[in-house]
Amino acid sequence: MRKAVAEAYAAGILGDNAMGSGRRVDVHIHAGAGAYICGEETALMNSLEGRRGNPRIKPPFPAVAGLFGQPTTINNVETLAAVPHIVNRGAAWYKALCLGNPKSTGTKLFSVCGNVSRPGNYEVTLGFPFKEFLYDLCGGPPEGRRFKAIIPGGSSVPILTAEDCENAVMDYEGFITAGSMLGSGGVICIDDRQNLVRQIARLARFYAHESCAQCTQCREGTGWTTRILERIADGGGVPEDLDTLLSIAENMTGKTICVLSDSCATPVVSGLTKFRADFEALIPASRSRVTVAGAA
C-alpha cells in the first residue's frame, strides 16, 4: 500500500496538483491493530483519532460530523474500487450488470470457506443462482458428504439450511427472501459431519472476545451465551439452556450502540430454530427423553 501511494505521488495522481486539477489530494495510510469492532465506522473514526475503538452513538452521523469533527465518508475497498469504472463507463453500464433484479446491480466479491471443495474468492454478478455458485463454481461439498448448513454473508447473518439455498439468488433481496442476508459476502459452508452447536459456540466465542464491552447487553450477553454453548458442546447442558439462550438473544438484539451484540445473537437464534436437533443431541436429558419416547 505504501509503495502504491508513493507511485501515485510520483505520477502526479496525488499531491499539490492531482491529475492537473489544481487541487491537492493526499492519501494517508493508518495501520490498524486488528480489532474487529473497528469495522464499525464510528469505532474506526475513534481509532484513527487515537482513542479506544468504541462505537459512537448516532446522530451525529459521520457525513455531518465524523473524523476530527469534519464531514466524513467511509466506504470499504470493494465499493471504492467500483467508482472509477462507473465514472469512466457510466451508471447505465453498471446497472446493466444485473441478473434480473434492478435493485441489486453490479458485481460482488464472495469469500468461500469451510467444508467445500474449492474455497476461495469469487466475483459474480448480483443475482447469480446460489445453488449454481455452491456446486458449479465452488465444487460442492467434499466427496461423499452433503451440505447441512450455509452462512451466506459472514458469521453475523442467519444460518440457512441446504434446502433454503436451493432457489436462493445472490443479491440483497434474494438472501432476505431465503431467510438470511448478503452481509459481507463471507460464505461459510458446513457439511453433514458437523454439529451446529460447536460451530455456533466458536462464533459466539469470537464475538465475546471482540466486544468493546461498552454496552451491558453485549459485554455480558456474549460471554454468557458462549459459556452456555460451550457447556452444551461439552455434554454438560440441560434442556432449560435452550430457552435461556433465546431469552439472552432477545435482550441482546436491537438494544446496543452497534450491532456486534446482534451479530452474536443471530446465529444462535437461527441455529436453534433450524437445527434444534443438534442442540438436543448433545444434552443428556434431551437424549434420554427421546430414547424413552422411542421405546414407548
C-alpha atoms as a PDB file:
ATOM      1  CA  MET A   1       0.000   0.000   0.000  1.00  0.00           C
ATOM      2  CA  ARG A   2       2.797   2.439   0.871  1.00  0.00           C
ATOM      3  CA  LYS A   3       4.564   1.642  -2.401  1.00  0.00           C
ATOM      4  CA  ALA A   4       1.340   2.195  -4.367  1.00  0.00           C
ATOM      5  CA  VAL A   5       0.784   5.577  -2.690  1.00  0.00           C
ATOM      6  CA  ALA A   6       4.380   6.609  -3.433  1.00  0.00           C
ATOM      7  CA  GLU A   7       3.880   5.669  -7.098  1.00  0.00           C
ATOM      8  CA  ALA A   8       0.683   7.741  -7.224  1.00  0.00           C
ATOM      9  CA  TYR A   9       2.508  10.806  -5.884  1.00  0.00           C
ATOM     10  CA  ALA A  10       5.354  10.285  -8.370  1.00  0.00           C
ATOM     11  CA  ALA A  11       2.876  10.049 -11.254  1.00  0.00           C
ATOM     12  CA  GLY A  12       1.070  13.245 -10.230  1.00  0.00           C
ATOM     13  CA  ILE A  13      -2.137  11.390  -9.377  1.00  0.00           C
ATOM     14  CA  LEU A  14      -1.776  12.605  -5.789  1.00  0.00           C
ATOM     15  CA  GLY A  15      -0.158  15.746  -4.409  1.00  0.00           C
ATOM     16  CA  ASP A  16      -0.338  19.504  -4.988  1.00  0.00           C
ATOM     17  CA  ASN A  17      -1.863  19.381  -8.469  1.00  0.00           C
ATOM     18  CA  ALA A  18      -3.553  15.992  -8.568  1.00  0.00           C
ATOM     19  CA  MET A  19      -4.021  14.979 -12.222  1.00  0.00           C
ATOM     20  CA  GLY A  20      -3.793  18.637 -13.277  1.00  0.00           C
ATOM     21  CA  SER A  21      -6.884  19.578 -11.267  1.00  0.00           C
ATOM     22  CA  GLY A  22      -5.256  22.426  -9.379  1.00  0.00           C
ATOM     23  CA  ARG A  23      -6.334  20.713  -6.167  1.00  0.00           C
ATOM     24  CA  ARG A  24      -4.250  18.924  -3.582  1.00  0.00           C
ATOM     25  CA  VAL A  25      -5.238  15.332  -2.825  1.00  0.00           C
ATOM     26  CA  ASP A  26      -3.415  13.329  -0.162  1.00  0.00           C
ATOM     27  CA  VAL A  27      -3.678   9.707   0.926  1.00  0.00           C
ATOM     28  CA  HIS A  28      -2.613   8.634   4.405  1.00  0.00           C
ATOM     29  CA  ILE A  29      -2.277   5.005   5.446  1.00  0.00           C
ATOM     30  CA  HIS A  30      -3.130   4.036   9.022  1.00  0.00           C
ATOM     31  CA  ALA A  31      -2.263   0.544  10.219  1.00  0.00           C
ATOM     32  CA  GLY A  32      -4.947  -0.979  12.423  1.00  0.00           C
ATOM     33  CA  ALA A  33      -4.349  -3.301  15.344  1.00  0.00           C
ATOM     34  CA  GLY A  34      -6.737  -5.995  14.146  1.00  0.00           C
ATOM     35  CA  ALA A  35      -9.771  -5.072  16.235  1.00  0.00           C
ATOM     36  CA  TYR A  36     -12.962  -6.449  14.669  1.00  0.00           C
ATOM     37  CA  ILE A  37     -15.036  -3.703  16.289  1.00  0.00           C
ATOM     38  CA  CYS A  38     -13.144  -1.119  14.206  1.00  0.00           C
ATOM     39  CA  GLY A  39     -15.011  -2.394  11.172  1.00  0.00           C
ATOM     40  CA  GLU A  40     -17.878  -0.309  12.572  1.00  0.00           C
ATOM     41  CA  GLU A  41     -17.470   3.132  11.042  1.00  0.00           C
ATOM     42  CA  THR A  42     -17.640   5.267  14.169  1.00  0.00           C
ATOM     43  CA  ALA A  43     -15.303   2.915  16.077  1.00  0.00           C
ATOM     44  CA  LEU A  44     -12.915   3.226  13.147  1.00  0.00           C
ATOM     45  CA  MET A  45     -13.024   7.013  13.443  1.00  0.00           C
ATOM     46  CA  ASN A  46     -12.278   6.827  17.158  1.00  0.00           C
ATOM     47  CA  SER A  47      -9.323   4.572  16.410  1.00  0.00           C
ATOM     48  CA  LEU A  48      -7.993   6.944  13.735  1.00  0.00           C
ATOM     49  CA  GLU A  49      -8.216   9.784  16.242  1.00  0.00           C
ATOM     50  CA  GLY A  50      -6.018   7.799  18.643  1.00  0.00           C
ATOM     51  CA  ARG A  51      -8.815   6.850  21.014  1.00  0.00           C
ATOM     52  CA  ARG A  52     -10.230   3.494  22.033  1.00  0.00           C
ATOM     53  CA  GLY A  53     -12.158   1.868  19.202  1.00  0.00           C
ATOM     54  CA  ASN A  54     -15.620   2.146  20.744  1.00  0.00           C
ATOM     55  CA  PRO A  55     -18.642   2.813  18.510  1.00  0.00           C
ATOM     56  CA  ARG A  56     -20.266   6.223  18.880  1.00  0.00           C
ATOM     57  CA  ILE A  57     -23.912   6.993  19.465  1.00  0.00           C
ATOM     58  CA  LYS A  58     -25.573   8.388  16.326  1.00  0.00           C
ATOM     59  CA  PRO A  59     -26.599  11.067  15.489  1.00  0.00           C
ATOM     60  CA  PRO A  60     -24.486  12.929  14.599  1.00  0.00           C
ATOM     61  CA  PHE A  61     -23.763  10.770  11.579  1.00  0.00           C
ATOM     62  CA  PRO A  62     -20.270  10.754  10.034  1.00  0.00           C
ATOM     63  CA  ALA A  63     -21.460  12.675   6.953  1.00  0.00           C
ATOM     64  CA  VAL A  64     -22.308  15.572   9.303  1.00  0.00           C
ATOM     65  CA  ALA A  65     -19.610  15.275  11.979  1.00  0.00           C
ATOM     66  CA  GLY A  66     -17.124  12.465  11.539  1.00  0.00           C
ATOM     67  CA  LEU A  67     -13.341  12.186  11.742  1.00  0.00           C
ATOM     68  CA  PHE A  68     -11.955  15.053  13.857  1.00  0.00           C
ATOM     69  CA  GLY A  69     -15.436  16.580  13.772  1.00  0.00           C
ATOM     70  CA  GLN A  70     -15.395  17.030   9.988  1.00  0.00           C
ATOM     71  CA  PRO A  71     -17.890  15.632   7.446  1.00  0.00           C
ATOM     72  CA  THR A  72     -16.622  12.142   6.625  1.00  0.00           C
ATOM     73  CA  THR A  73     -17.454   9.464   4.092  1.00  0.00           C
ATOM     74  CA  ILE A  74     -16.419   5.918   4.997  1.00  0.00           C
ATOM     75  CA  ASN A  75     -16.549   3.093   2.472  1.00  0.00           C
ATOM     76  CA  ASN A  76     -14.847  -0.245   2.088  1.00  0.00           C
ATOM     77  CA  VAL A  77     -12.291  -1.002  -0.603  1.00  0.00           C
ATOM     78  CA  GLU A  78     -14.742  -3.035  -2.673  1.00  0.00           C
ATOM     79  CA  THR A  79     -17.085  -0.062  -3.019  1.00  0.00           C
ATOM     80  CA  LEU A  80     -14.302   2.404  -3.799  1.00  0.00           C
ATOM     81  CA  ALA A  81     -12.828   0.042  -6.414  1.00  0.00           C
ATOM     82  CA  ALA A  82     -16.080   0.213  -8.398  1.00  0.00           C
ATOM     83  CA  VAL A  83     -16.139   4.020  -8.525  1.00  0.00           C
ATOM     84  CA  PRO A  84     -13.554   4.579 -11.328  1.00  0.00           C
ATOM     85  CA  HIS A  85     -15.326   2.061 -13.580  1.00  0.00           C
ATOM     86  CA  ILE A  86     -18.693   3.724 -13.002  1.00  0.00           C
ATOM     87  CA  VAL A  87     -17.210   7.183 -13.673  1.00  0.00           C
ATOM     88  CA  ASN A  88     -15.471   6.015 -16.861  1.00  0.00           C
ATOM     89  CA  ARG A  89     -18.250   3.823 -18.271  1.00  0.00           C
ATOM     90  CA  GLY A  90     -21.354   5.449 -16.826  1.00  0.00           C
ATOM     91  CA  ALA A  91     -24.098   4.439 -14.409  1.00  0.00           C
ATOM     92  CA  ALA A  92     -26.090   2.708 -17.161  1.00  0.00           C
ATOM     93  CA  TRP A  93     -23.197   0.296 -17.785  1.00  0.00           C
ATOM     94  CA  TYR A  94     -23.045  -0.597 -14.083  1.00  0.00           C
ATOM     95  CA  LYS A  95     -26.812  -1.001 -13.825  1.00  0.00           C
ATOM     96  CA  ALA A  96     -26.678  -3.389 -16.778  1.00  0.00           C
ATOM     97  CA  LEU A  97     -24.604  -5.760 -14.637  1.00  0.00           C
ATOM     98  CA  CYS A  98     -27.745  -7.380 -13.350  1.00  0.00           C
ATOM     99  CA  LEU A  99     -29.339 -10.817 -13.462  1.00  0.00           C
ATOM    100  CA  GLY A 100     -32.957  -9.850 -13.135  1.00  0.00           C
ATOM    101  CA  ASN A 101     -33.268  -7.642 -10.049  1.00  0.00           C
ATOM    102  CA  PRO A 102     -32.861  -3.918 -10.873  1.00  0.00           C
ATOM    103  CA  LYS A 103     -32.482  -3.123  -7.158  1.00  0.00           C
ATOM    104  CA  SER A 104     -29.225  -5.117  -6.925  1.00  0.00           C
ATOM    105  CA  THR A 105     -26.784  -4.320  -9.728  1.00  0.00           C
ATOM    106  CA  GLY A 106     -23.065  -4.698 -10.260  1.00  0.00           C
ATOM    107  CA  THR A 107     -20.778  -7.450  -9.064  1.00  0.00           C
ATOM    108  CA  LYS A 108     -19.934  -8.700  -5.587  1.00  0.00           C
ATOM    109  CA  LEU A 109     -16.947 -10.478  -4.094  1.00  0.00           C
ATOM    110  CA  PHE A 110     -17.763 -13.598  -2.096  1.00  0.00           C
ATOM    111  CA  SER A 111     -15.186 -15.304   0.113  1.00  0.00           C
ATOM    112  CA  VAL A 112     -15.937 -19.013   0.497  1.00  0.00           C
ATOM    113  CA  CYS A 113     -14.577 -21.216   3.261  1.00  0.00           C
ATOM    114  CA  GLY A 114     -15.441 -24.301   5.310  1.00  0.00           C
ATOM    115  CA  ASN A 115     -16.484 -27.744   4.114  1.00  0.00           C
ATOM    116  CA  VAL A 116     -16.377 -27.038   0.383  1.00  0.00           C
ATOM    117  CA  SER A 117     -14.314 -28.473  -2.446  1.00  0.00           C
ATOM    118  CA  ARG A 118     -12.978 -25.209  -3.883  1.00  0.00           C
ATOM    119  CA  PRO A 119     -12.767 -22.488  -1.217  1.00  0.00           C
ATOM    120  CA  GLY A 120     -11.562 -19.071  -2.301  1.00  0.00           C
ATOM    121  CA  ASN A 121     -12.637 -15.647  -3.509  1.00  0.00           C
ATOM    122  CA  TYR A 122     -15.216 -15.351  -6.276  1.00  0.00           C
ATOM    123  CA  GLU A 123     -16.645 -12.331  -8.083  1.00  0.00           C
ATOM    124  CA  VAL A 124     -20.111 -12.817  -9.559  1.00  0.00           C
ATOM    125  CA  THR A 125     -22.850 -10.577 -10.878  1.00  0.00           C
ATOM    126  CA  LEU A 126     -25.514  -9.935  -8.258  1.00  0.00           C
ATOM    127  CA  GLY A 127     -28.483 -12.195  -8.796  1.00  0.00           C
ATOM    128  CA  PHE A 128     -26.357 -15.269  -9.562  1.00  0.00           C
ATOM    129  CA  PRO A 129     -28.132 -18.534  -8.569  1.00  0.00           C
ATOM    130  CA  PHE A 130     -26.769 -19.616  -5.182  1.00  0.00           C
ATOM    131  CA  LYS A 131     -27.081 -23.341  -5.908  1.00  0.00           C
ATOM    132  CA  GLU A 132     -25.075 -22.948  -9.117  1.00  0.00           C
ATOM    133  CA  PHE A 133     -22.495 -20.922  -7.207  1.00  0.00           C
ATOM    134  CA  LEU A 134     -22.084 -23.545  -4.472  1.00  0.00           C
ATOM    135  CA  TYR A 135     -21.999 -26.614  -6.705  1.00  0.00           C
ATOM    136  CA  ASP A 136     -20.617 -25.464 -10.065  1.00  0.00           C
ATOM    137  CA  LEU A 137     -18.166 -22.723  -9.113  1.00  0.00           C
ATOM    138  CA  CYS A 138     -17.206 -23.924  -5.616  1.00  0.00           C
ATOM    139  CA  GLY A 139     -17.389 -27.638  -6.397  1.00  0.00           C
ATOM    140  CA  GLY A 140     -19.986 -28.599  -3.813  1.00  0.00           C
ATOM    141  CA  PRO A 141     -19.255 -30.357  -0.507  1.00  0.00           C
ATOM    142  CA  PRO A 142     -16.301 -32.734  -0.042  1.00  0.00           C
ATOM    143  CA  GLU A 143     -16.683 -36.116  -1.734  1.00  0.00           C
ATOM    144  CA  GLY A 144     -19.208 -38.349  -0.015  1.00  0.00           C
ATOM    145  CA  ARG A 145     -20.682 -35.520   2.056  1.00  0.00           C
ATOM    146  CA  ARG A 146     -23.632 -33.182   1.655  1.00  0.00           C
ATOM    147  CA  PHE A 147     -24.207 -29.609   2.722  1.00  0.00           C
ATOM    148  CA  LYS A 148     -26.014 -29.272   6.030  1.00  0.00           C
ATOM    149  CA  ALA A 149     -25.940 -25.516   6.554  1.00  0.00           C
ATOM    150  CA  ILE A 150     -24.688 -22.425   4.755  1.00  0.00           C
ATOM    151  CA  ILE A 151     -23.974 -18.992   6.209  1.00  0.00           C
ATOM    152  CA  PRO A 152     -24.133 -16.716   3.134  1.00  0.00           C
ATOM    153  CA  GLY A 153     -22.994 -13.317   4.391  1.00  0.00           C
ATOM    154  CA  GLY A 154     -20.480 -13.723   7.196  1.00  0.00           C
ATOM    155  CA  SER A 155     -20.915 -15.053  10.712  1.00  0.00           C
ATOM    156  CA  SER A 156     -23.382 -12.353  11.777  1.00  0.00           C
ATOM    157  CA  VAL A 157     -26.238 -13.352   9.449  1.00  0.00           C
ATOM    158  CA  PRO A 158     -28.882 -16.075   9.922  1.00  0.00           C
ATOM    159  CA  ILE A 159     -27.848 -19.625   9.064  1.00  0.00           C
ATOM    160  CA  LEU A 160     -29.571 -21.280   6.111  1.00  0.00           C
ATOM    161  CA  THR A 161     -30.336 -24.956   5.640  1.00  0.00           C
ATOM    162  CA  ALA A 162     -29.200 -26.642   2.427  1.00  0.00           C
ATOM    163  CA  GLU A 163     -32.845 -26.626   1.339  1.00  0.00           C
ATOM    164  CA  ASP A 164     -33.083 -22.859   1.874  1.00  0.00           C
ATOM    165  CA  CYS A 165     -30.274 -22.412  -0.665  1.00  0.00           C
ATOM    166  CA  GLU A 166     -31.920 -24.404  -3.459  1.00  0.00           C
ATOM    167  CA  ASN A 167     -33.711 -21.459  -5.080  1.00  0.00           C
ATOM    168  CA  ALA A 168     -31.873 -18.535  -3.469  1.00  0.00           C
ATOM    169  CA  VAL A 169     -30.272 -15.840  -5.608  1.00  0.00           C
ATOM    170  CA  MET A 170     -27.161 -13.949  -4.615  1.00  0.00           C
ATOM    171  CA  ASP A 171     -28.327 -10.394  -4.156  1.00  0.00           C
ATOM    172  CA  TYR A 172     -29.604  -8.266  -1.268  1.00  0.00           C
ATOM    173  CA  GLU A 173     -33.277  -9.036  -1.700  1.00  0.00           C
ATOM    174  CA  GLY A 174     -32.685 -12.656  -2.695  1.00  0.00           C
ATOM    175  CA  PHE A 175     -30.926 -13.608   0.515  1.00  0.00           C
ATOM    176  CA  ILE A 176     -33.561 -11.821   2.590  1.00  0.00           C
ATOM    177  CA  THR A 177     -36.235 -13.861   0.810  1.00  0.00           C
ATOM    178  CA  ALA A 178     -34.267 -17.021   1.648  1.00  0.00           C
ATOM    179  CA  GLY A 179     -34.215 -16.024   5.331  1.00  0.00           C
ATOM    180  CA  SER A 180     -30.762 -14.505   5.696  1.00  0.00           C
ATOM    181  CA  MET A 181     -28.742 -11.512   4.437  1.00  0.00           C
ATOM    182  CA  LEU A 182     -25.994 -10.854   1.901  1.00  0.00           C
ATOM    183  CA  GLY A 183     -23.881  -9.116   4.547  1.00  0.00           C
ATOM    184  CA  SER A 184     -20.150  -9.120   3.856  1.00  0.00           C
ATOM    185  CA  GLY A 185     -20.357 -11.936   1.315  1.00  0.00           C
ATOM    186  CA  GLY A 186     -18.468 -14.322   3.583  1.00  0.00           C
ATOM    187  CA  VAL A 187     -19.889 -17.740   2.657  1.00  0.00           C
ATOM    188  CA  ILE A 188     -19.320 -20.421   5.306  1.00  0.00           C
ATOM    189  CA  CYS A 189     -20.144 -23.988   4.238  1.00  0.00           C
ATOM    190  CA  ILE A 190     -20.929 -26.644   6.839  1.00  0.00           C
ATOM    191  CA  ASP A 191     -21.365 -30.298   5.858  1.00  0.00           C
ATOM    192  CA  ASP A 192     -23.291 -33.132   7.471  1.00  0.00           C
ATOM    193  CA  ARG A 193     -20.349 -34.237   9.621  1.00  0.00           C
ATOM    194  CA  GLN A 194     -20.661 -31.136  11.758  1.00  0.00           C
ATOM    195  CA  ASN A 195     -22.773 -30.402  14.814  1.00  0.00           C
ATOM    196  CA  LEU A 196     -24.007 -26.810  14.583  1.00  0.00           C
ATOM    197  CA  VAL A 197     -23.657 -26.216  18.336  1.00  0.00           C
ATOM    198  CA  ARG A 198     -19.885 -26.423  18.154  1.00  0.00           C
ATOM    199  CA  GLN A 199     -19.774 -24.098  15.159  1.00  0.00           C
ATOM    200  CA  ILE A 200     -22.088 -21.537  16.781  1.00  0.00           C
ATOM    201  CA  ALA A 201     -20.117 -21.725  20.030  1.00  0.00           C
ATOM    202  CA  ARG A 202     -16.981 -20.835  18.079  1.00  0.00           C
ATOM    203  CA  LEU A 203     -18.728 -17.795  16.587  1.00  0.00           C
ATOM    204  CA  ALA A 204     -20.023 -16.677  19.982  1.00  0.00           C
ATOM    205  CA  ARG A 205     -16.548 -17.017  21.490  1.00  0.00           C
ATOM    206  CA  PHE A 206     -15.210 -14.734  18.771  1.00  0.00           C
ATOM    207  CA  TYR A 207     -17.834 -12.060  19.417  1.00  0.00           C
ATOM    208  CA  ALA A 208     -17.288 -12.258  23.175  1.00  0.00           C
ATOM    209  CA  HIS A 209     -13.576 -11.708  22.609  1.00  0.00           C
ATOM    210  CA  GLU A 210     -14.092  -8.814  20.182  1.00  0.00           C
ATOM    211  CA  SER A 211     -16.800  -6.943  22.117  1.00  0.00           C
ATOM    212  CA  CYS A 212     -15.643  -3.476  23.127  1.00  0.00           C
ATOM    213  CA  ALA A 213     -17.632  -4.022  26.386  1.00  0.00           C
ATOM    214  CA  GLN A 214     -19.264  -0.589  26.155  1.00  0.00           C
ATOM    215  CA  CYS A 215     -22.840  -1.914  26.282  1.00  0.00           C
ATOM    216  CA  THR A 216     -24.012  -4.191  29.108  1.00  0.00           C
ATOM    217  CA  GLN A 217     -26.150  -6.381  26.854  1.00  0.00           C
ATOM    218  CA  CYS A 218     -23.167  -7.130  24.626  1.00  0.00           C
ATOM    219  CA  ARG A 219     -20.485  -7.336  27.292  1.00  0.00           C
ATOM    220  CA  GLU A 220     -22.473  -9.745  29.474  1.00  0.00           C
ATOM    221  CA  GLY A 221     -24.617 -11.395  26.810  1.00  0.00           C
ATOM    222  CA  THR A 222     -21.821 -12.545  24.502  1.00  0.00           C
ATOM    223  CA  GLY A 223     -19.897 -14.085  27.382  1.00  0.00           C
ATOM    224  CA  TRP A 224     -22.968 -15.734  28.905  1.00  0.00           C
ATOM    225  CA  THR A 225     -24.028 -17.113  25.530  1.00  0.00           C
ATOM    226  CA  THR A 226     -20.548 -18.532  24.955  1.00  0.00           C
ATOM    227  CA  ARG A 227     -20.423 -20.258  28.334  1.00  0.00           C
ATOM    228  CA  ILE A 228     -23.794 -21.944  27.800  1.00  0.00           C
ATOM    229  CA  LEU A 229     -22.958 -23.064  24.258  1.00  0.00           C
ATOM    230  CA  GLU A 230     -19.589 -24.459  25.294  1.00  0.00           C
ATOM    231  CA  ARG A 231     -21.183 -26.279  28.218  1.00  0.00           C
ATOM    232  CA  ILE A 232     -23.724 -27.854  25.861  1.00  0.00           C
ATOM    233  CA  ALA A 233     -20.963 -28.780  23.398  1.00  0.00           C
ATOM    234  CA  ASP A 234     -19.045 -30.465  26.227  1.00  0.00           C
ATOM    235  CA  GLY A 235     -22.068 -32.551  27.213  1.00  0.00           C
ATOM    236  CA  GLY A 236     -22.989 -30.627  30.353  1.00  0.00           C
ATOM    237  CA  GLY A 237     -26.060 -28.819  29.084  1.00  0.00           C
ATOM    238  CA  VAL A 238     -29.627 -29.060  30.367  1.00  0.00           C
ATOM    239  CA  PRO A 239     -32.868 -28.647  28.365  1.00  0.00           C
ATOM    240  CA  GLU A 240     -33.556 -25.277  30.033  1.00  0.00           C
ATOM    241  CA  ASP A 241     -30.392 -23.891  28.400  1.00  0.00           C
ATOM    242  CA  LEU A 242     -32.153 -23.605  25.068  1.00  0.00           C
ATOM    243  CA  ASP A 243     -34.831 -21.254  26.351  1.00  0.00           C
ATOM    244  CA  THR A 244     -32.174 -19.317  28.243  1.00  0.00           C
ATOM    245  CA  LEU A 245     -30.175 -18.819  25.035  1.00  0.00           C
ATOM    246  CA  LEU A 246     -33.238 -17.453  23.253  1.00  0.00           C
ATOM    247  CA  SER A 247     -34.015 -15.129  26.161  1.00  0.00           C
ATOM    248  CA  ILE A 248     -30.456 -13.794  26.202  1.00  0.00           C
ATOM    249  CA  ALA A 249     -30.560 -13.304  22.425  1.00  0.00           C
ATOM    250  CA  GLU A 250     -33.782 -11.292  22.671  1.00  0.00           C
ATOM    251  CA  ASN A 251     -32.180  -8.950  25.179  1.00  0.00           C
ATOM    252  CA  MET A 252     -29.058  -8.595  23.031  1.00  0.00           C
ATOM    253  CA  THR A 253     -30.862  -7.655  19.817  1.00  0.00           C
ATOM    254  CA  GLY A 254     -31.565  -4.050  18.881  1.00  0.00           C
ATOM    255  CA  LYS A 255     -30.579  -2.656  22.265  1.00  0.00           C
ATOM    256  CA  THR A 256     -26.923  -1.640  21.851  1.00  0.00           C
ATOM    257  CA  ILE A 257     -24.938   1.171  20.242  1.00  0.00           C
ATOM    258  CA  CYS A 258     -23.691  -1.030  17.405  1.00  0.00           C
ATOM    259  CA  VAL A 259     -24.793  -4.426  16.071  1.00  0.00           C
ATOM    260  CA  LEU A 260     -21.994  -6.641  17.409  1.00  0.00           C
ATOM    261  CA  SER A 261     -24.386  -7.856  20.094  1.00  0.00           C
ATOM    262  CA  ASP A 262     -26.988  -8.665  17.430  1.00  0.00           C
ATOM    263  CA  SER A 263     -24.295 -10.433  15.423  1.00  0.00           C
ATOM    264  CA  CYS A 264     -23.710 -12.883  18.252  1.00  0.00           C
ATOM    265  CA  ALA A 265     -27.413 -13.469  18.845  1.00  0.00           C
ATOM    266  CA  THR A 266     -28.393 -14.025  15.205  1.00  0.00           C
ATOM    267  CA  PRO A 267     -26.645 -17.379  14.554  1.00  0.00           C
ATOM    268  CA  VAL A 268     -27.842 -18.629  17.954  1.00  0.00           C
ATOM    269  CA  VAL A 269     -31.497 -17.922  17.165  1.00  0.00           C
ATOM    270  CA  SER A 270     -31.335 -19.216  13.594  1.00  0.00           C
ATOM    271  CA  GLY A 271     -29.368 -22.258  14.741  1.00  0.00           C
ATOM    272  CA  LEU A 272     -31.911 -23.117  17.405  1.00  0.00           C
ATOM    273  CA  THR A 273     -34.783 -22.515  15.018  1.00  0.00           C
ATOM    274  CA  LYS A 274     -33.479 -24.668  12.180  1.00  0.00           C
ATOM    275  CA  PHE A 275     -31.080 -27.117  13.852  1.00  0.00           C
ATOM    276  CA  ARG A 276     -32.580 -27.669  17.290  1.00  0.00           C
ATOM    277  CA  ALA A 277     -31.921 -31.421  16.983  1.00  0.00           C
ATOM    278  CA  ASP A 278     -28.172 -30.694  17.021  1.00  0.00           C
ATOM    279  CA  PHE A 279     -28.547 -28.981  20.393  1.00  0.00           C
ATOM    280  CA  GLU A 280     -30.748 -31.711  21.842  1.00  0.00           C
ATOM    281  CA  ALA A 281     -28.351 -34.415  20.647  1.00  0.00           C
ATOM    282  CA  LEU A 282     -25.668 -33.010  22.966  1.00  0.00           C
ATOM    283  CA  ILE A 283     -27.902 -32.592  26.041  1.00  0.00           C
ATOM    284  CA  PRO A 284     -28.057 -35.839  28.076  1.00  0.00           C
ATOM    285  CA  ALA A 285     -31.559 -35.200  29.466  1.00  0.00           C
ATOM    286  CA  SER A 286     -32.922 -34.482  25.997  1.00  0.00           C
ATOM    287  CA  ARG A 287     -31.354 -37.659  24.615  1.00  0.00           C
ATOM    288  CA  SER A 288     -32.924 -39.680  27.464  1.00  0.00           C
ATOM    289  CA  ARG A 289     -36.381 -38.303  26.704  1.00  0.00           C
ATOM    290  CA  VAL A 290     -36.000 -39.183  23.018  1.00  0.00           C
ATOM    291  CA  THR A 291     -34.871 -42.704  23.878  1.00  0.00           C
ATOM    292  CA  VAL A 292     -37.772 -43.312  26.297  1.00  0.00           C
ATOM    293  CA  ALA A 293     -40.269 -41.908  23.806  1.00  0.00           C
ATOM    294  CA  GLY A 294     -38.870 -44.119  21.075  1.00  0.00           C
ATOM    295  CA  ALA A 295     -39.033 -47.193  23.292  1.00  0.00           C
ATOM    296  CA  ALA A 296     -42.605 -46.407  24.270  1.00  0.00           C
END
